Protein backbone atom coordinates (compact mmCIF):
# COMPACT_ATOMS: atom_id res chain seq x y z
CA MET A 1 70.55 90.38 277.24
CA THR A 2 70.66 90.44 273.75
CA PRO A 3 70.40 94.21 271.68
CA GLU A 4 66.82 93.40 270.93
CA GLU A 5 65.27 92.12 274.23
CA THR A 6 67.56 95.40 275.40
CA ARG A 7 65.73 97.40 272.46
CA GLN A 8 61.98 95.63 273.50
CA LEU A 9 62.66 96.27 277.27
CA LEU A 10 63.79 100.38 276.60
CA LEU A 11 60.82 100.67 273.90
CA SER A 12 58.13 99.17 276.79
CA ARG A 13 59.50 101.69 279.36
CA ILE A 14 58.92 105.24 277.34
CA ARG A 15 55.59 106.62 277.56
CA ASP A 16 53.74 108.89 274.82
CA VAL A 17 52.30 111.79 276.31
CA ALA A 18 50.36 113.55 273.10
CA ASP A 19 49.91 117.02 273.10
CA TYR A 20 52.70 117.80 275.30
CA PRO A 21 54.44 120.55 275.29
CA LYS A 22 52.20 122.08 272.87
CA PRO A 23 49.29 120.46 270.90
CA GLY A 24 50.35 118.14 267.73
CA VAL A 25 53.59 117.08 269.51
CA MET A 26 53.83 113.33 270.89
CA PHE A 27 56.34 114.08 273.62
CA LYS A 28 58.74 110.42 274.62
CA ASP A 29 58.62 110.55 278.36
CA ILE A 30 61.89 108.78 279.56
CA THR A 31 60.67 108.86 283.22
CA PRO A 32 59.11 105.55 283.51
CA LEU A 33 62.90 103.96 282.43
CA LEU A 34 64.36 105.74 284.48
CA ALA A 35 62.33 104.83 287.58
CA ASP A 36 63.07 100.84 286.61
CA PRO A 37 66.45 100.07 287.59
CA GLY A 38 66.72 97.17 285.45
CA ALA A 39 65.80 99.25 282.31
CA PHE A 40 67.90 102.16 283.28
CA ARG A 41 70.78 99.50 283.82
CA ALA A 42 70.55 98.07 280.60
CA LEU A 43 70.82 101.42 279.16
CA THR A 44 73.40 102.58 280.97
CA THR A 45 75.42 99.45 279.92
CA ALA A 46 74.12 99.88 276.05
CA LEU A 47 75.76 103.71 275.89
CA ALA A 48 78.79 102.59 277.77
CA ASP A 49 79.68 99.82 275.66
CA ASP A 50 79.01 102.36 272.43
CA CYS A 51 81.81 104.75 274.33
CA ARG A 52 83.91 101.86 274.76
CA ARG A 53 83.80 101.09 271.05
CA MET A 54 84.42 104.67 270.20
CA GLY A 55 87.27 104.65 272.46
CA ALA A 56 86.34 107.62 274.27
CA THR A 57 88.46 108.67 277.24
CA LYS A 58 85.78 111.29 278.13
CA ILE A 59 82.21 112.27 277.99
CA VAL A 60 79.84 115.57 277.66
CA GLY A 61 76.22 115.14 278.49
CA LEU A 62 74.12 117.47 277.25
CA GLU A 63 71.55 119.56 279.48
CA ALA A 64 69.73 118.40 281.34
CA ARG A 65 67.92 114.60 280.18
CA GLY A 66 71.67 114.32 278.77
CA PHE A 67 73.01 114.53 282.23
CA ILE A 68 70.94 111.79 283.84
CA LEU A 69 72.54 109.32 280.94
CA ALA A 70 75.91 110.75 280.81
CA ALA A 71 76.84 110.10 284.47
CA PRO A 72 76.42 106.80 285.42
CA VAL A 73 77.48 105.75 281.82
CA ALA A 74 80.77 107.36 282.44
CA ILE A 75 81.14 105.33 285.76
CA THR A 76 80.18 102.31 283.60
CA ALA A 77 82.86 103.24 281.22
CA GLY A 78 85.09 104.63 283.93
CA ILE A 79 85.80 107.62 282.04
CA GLY A 80 85.59 111.65 283.19
CA PHE A 81 81.92 113.16 282.63
CA ILE A 82 81.65 116.97 281.03
CA PRO A 83 78.73 118.89 281.44
CA VAL A 84 77.71 120.72 278.45
CA ARG A 85 74.84 123.33 280.03
CA LYS A 86 72.55 126.15 279.16
CA ALA A 87 74.45 129.59 279.05
CA GLY A 88 75.01 131.60 282.09
CA LYS A 89 75.02 128.16 284.31
CA LEU A 90 78.49 127.74 284.73
CA PRO A 91 81.17 129.08 286.79
CA GLY A 92 84.60 130.33 285.25
CA ALA A 93 85.75 130.08 281.74
CA THR A 94 83.41 128.70 279.13
CA LEU A 95 83.34 128.41 275.44
CA SER A 96 79.89 129.01 274.23
CA GLN A 97 78.02 127.95 270.76
CA SER A 98 74.63 129.14 269.74
CA TYR A 99 72.29 126.78 268.00
CA GLN A 100 69.07 127.04 266.24
CA LEU A 101 65.98 125.66 267.75
CA GLU A 102 62.78 125.09 265.98
CA TYR A 103 61.38 128.04 267.50
CA GLY A 104 64.13 130.39 267.92
CA THR A 105 67.89 130.08 269.09
CA ALA A 106 69.54 128.87 272.20
CA GLU A 107 73.21 128.50 273.75
CA VAL A 108 75.57 125.85 275.17
CA GLU A 109 78.39 126.07 277.30
CA VAL A 110 81.11 123.76 278.58
CA HIS A 111 84.32 124.84 281.13
CA ALA A 112 87.23 125.93 278.70
CA GLU A 113 89.92 123.56 280.82
CA ASP A 114 87.45 120.13 281.01
CA LEU A 115 88.47 119.12 277.12
CA ALA A 116 91.83 119.36 275.67
CA ALA A 117 94.22 117.89 272.75
CA GLY A 118 94.04 114.34 272.98
CA ASP A 119 90.81 113.76 274.25
CA ARG A 120 88.12 111.47 272.64
CA VAL A 121 84.98 112.99 273.61
CA ALA A 122 81.47 111.00 272.84
CA VAL A 123 78.24 113.08 273.07
CA ILE A 124 75.50 111.53 275.20
CA ASP A 125 71.63 112.55 274.89
CA ASP A 126 68.51 111.46 275.16
CA VAL A 127 67.39 111.96 271.95
CA LEU A 128 68.22 113.29 268.15
CA ALA A 129 65.81 115.33 267.38
CA THR A 130 66.66 118.07 264.71
CA GLY A 131 70.37 117.95 265.79
CA GLY A 132 70.99 121.29 266.78
CA THR A 133 72.28 120.81 270.20
CA ALA A 134 74.44 117.61 269.36
CA LEU A 135 76.09 119.89 266.54
CA ALA A 136 76.58 122.79 269.23
CA ALA A 137 77.96 120.14 271.81
CA VAL A 138 80.10 119.13 268.31
CA GLU A 139 81.72 122.37 267.98
CA LEU A 140 82.54 123.05 271.39
CA ILE A 141 84.85 119.92 271.42
CA ARG A 142 86.70 121.14 268.62
CA ARG A 143 87.06 124.20 269.84
CA ALA A 144 88.56 123.14 272.46
CA GLY A 145 90.89 121.16 270.58
CA ALA A 146 89.47 117.67 271.28
CA GLU A 147 88.30 115.01 268.94
CA VAL A 148 84.88 113.99 268.70
CA ALA A 149 84.97 109.89 269.19
CA GLY A 150 80.89 109.50 268.38
CA VAL A 151 77.35 110.34 269.31
CA SER A 152 75.13 108.34 271.01
CA VAL A 153 71.63 108.90 272.01
CA LEU A 154 68.72 106.37 273.67
CA MET A 155 66.22 107.40 270.81
CA GLU A 156 66.34 108.84 267.18
CA LEU A 157 63.16 110.83 265.89
CA GLY A 158 63.77 110.10 262.65
CA PHE A 159 61.38 111.55 260.78
CA LEU A 160 63.31 115.28 261.76
CA ASP A 161 66.10 114.54 259.67
CA GLY A 162 68.84 115.30 262.92
CA ARG A 163 70.92 112.61 261.80
CA ALA A 164 71.44 113.94 257.96
CA ARG A 165 72.85 117.22 259.83
CA LEU A 166 74.99 115.02 262.22
CA GLU A 167 76.43 113.05 260.08
CA LYS A 168 77.81 115.71 257.55
CA THR A 169 79.72 117.10 260.52
CA LEU A 170 81.31 114.42 262.00
CA HIS A 171 83.55 113.18 259.60
CA GLY A 172 83.05 109.47 259.81
CA ALA A 173 82.83 109.41 263.62
CA PRO A 174 80.04 106.93 264.82
CA LEU A 175 76.23 108.24 265.41
CA GLY A 176 74.21 105.28 267.18
CA ALA A 177 70.91 105.60 268.58
CA LEU A 178 69.67 102.60 270.55
CA LEU A 179 65.77 103.40 269.24
CA THR A 180 64.23 104.77 266.54
CA VAL A 181 60.95 106.47 266.82
């Protein structure tokens, strides 16, 4: 499948939901894509190819939909998967990072021992919006002593300018989006 065929397939499986979760928001629902094994396989393959190009040795997936994408990507790429969770969801020693949301703040965590010096870590998520969650994950990776190999997402909401915020902190590591809406 060519990159353009993959792009068209993925676009055809994303449903717009008006006024969700609040009036004026056009929510991009990826559940039809996940329900289609061919589309999900194409997405997994494309993201795994990105991780291989980055030279990633581990993948972090961002809660919650990033988990759904990152775990099969890690298996396909043959590398480890590490969840970045909402605060308070992981047992044991964690590193935590707070970040800004459009409507407040949130915090994410990772197990401290899951990342180490020498690891090249790819960040996988479903959507790049304002970039807050991805920025928090990048900071966690660096604080653990690992290197950020890059960030790869299914879709980027270009009008929210998350790319510009994120690229400032990636220091040349790649940032890829299969779709821009």
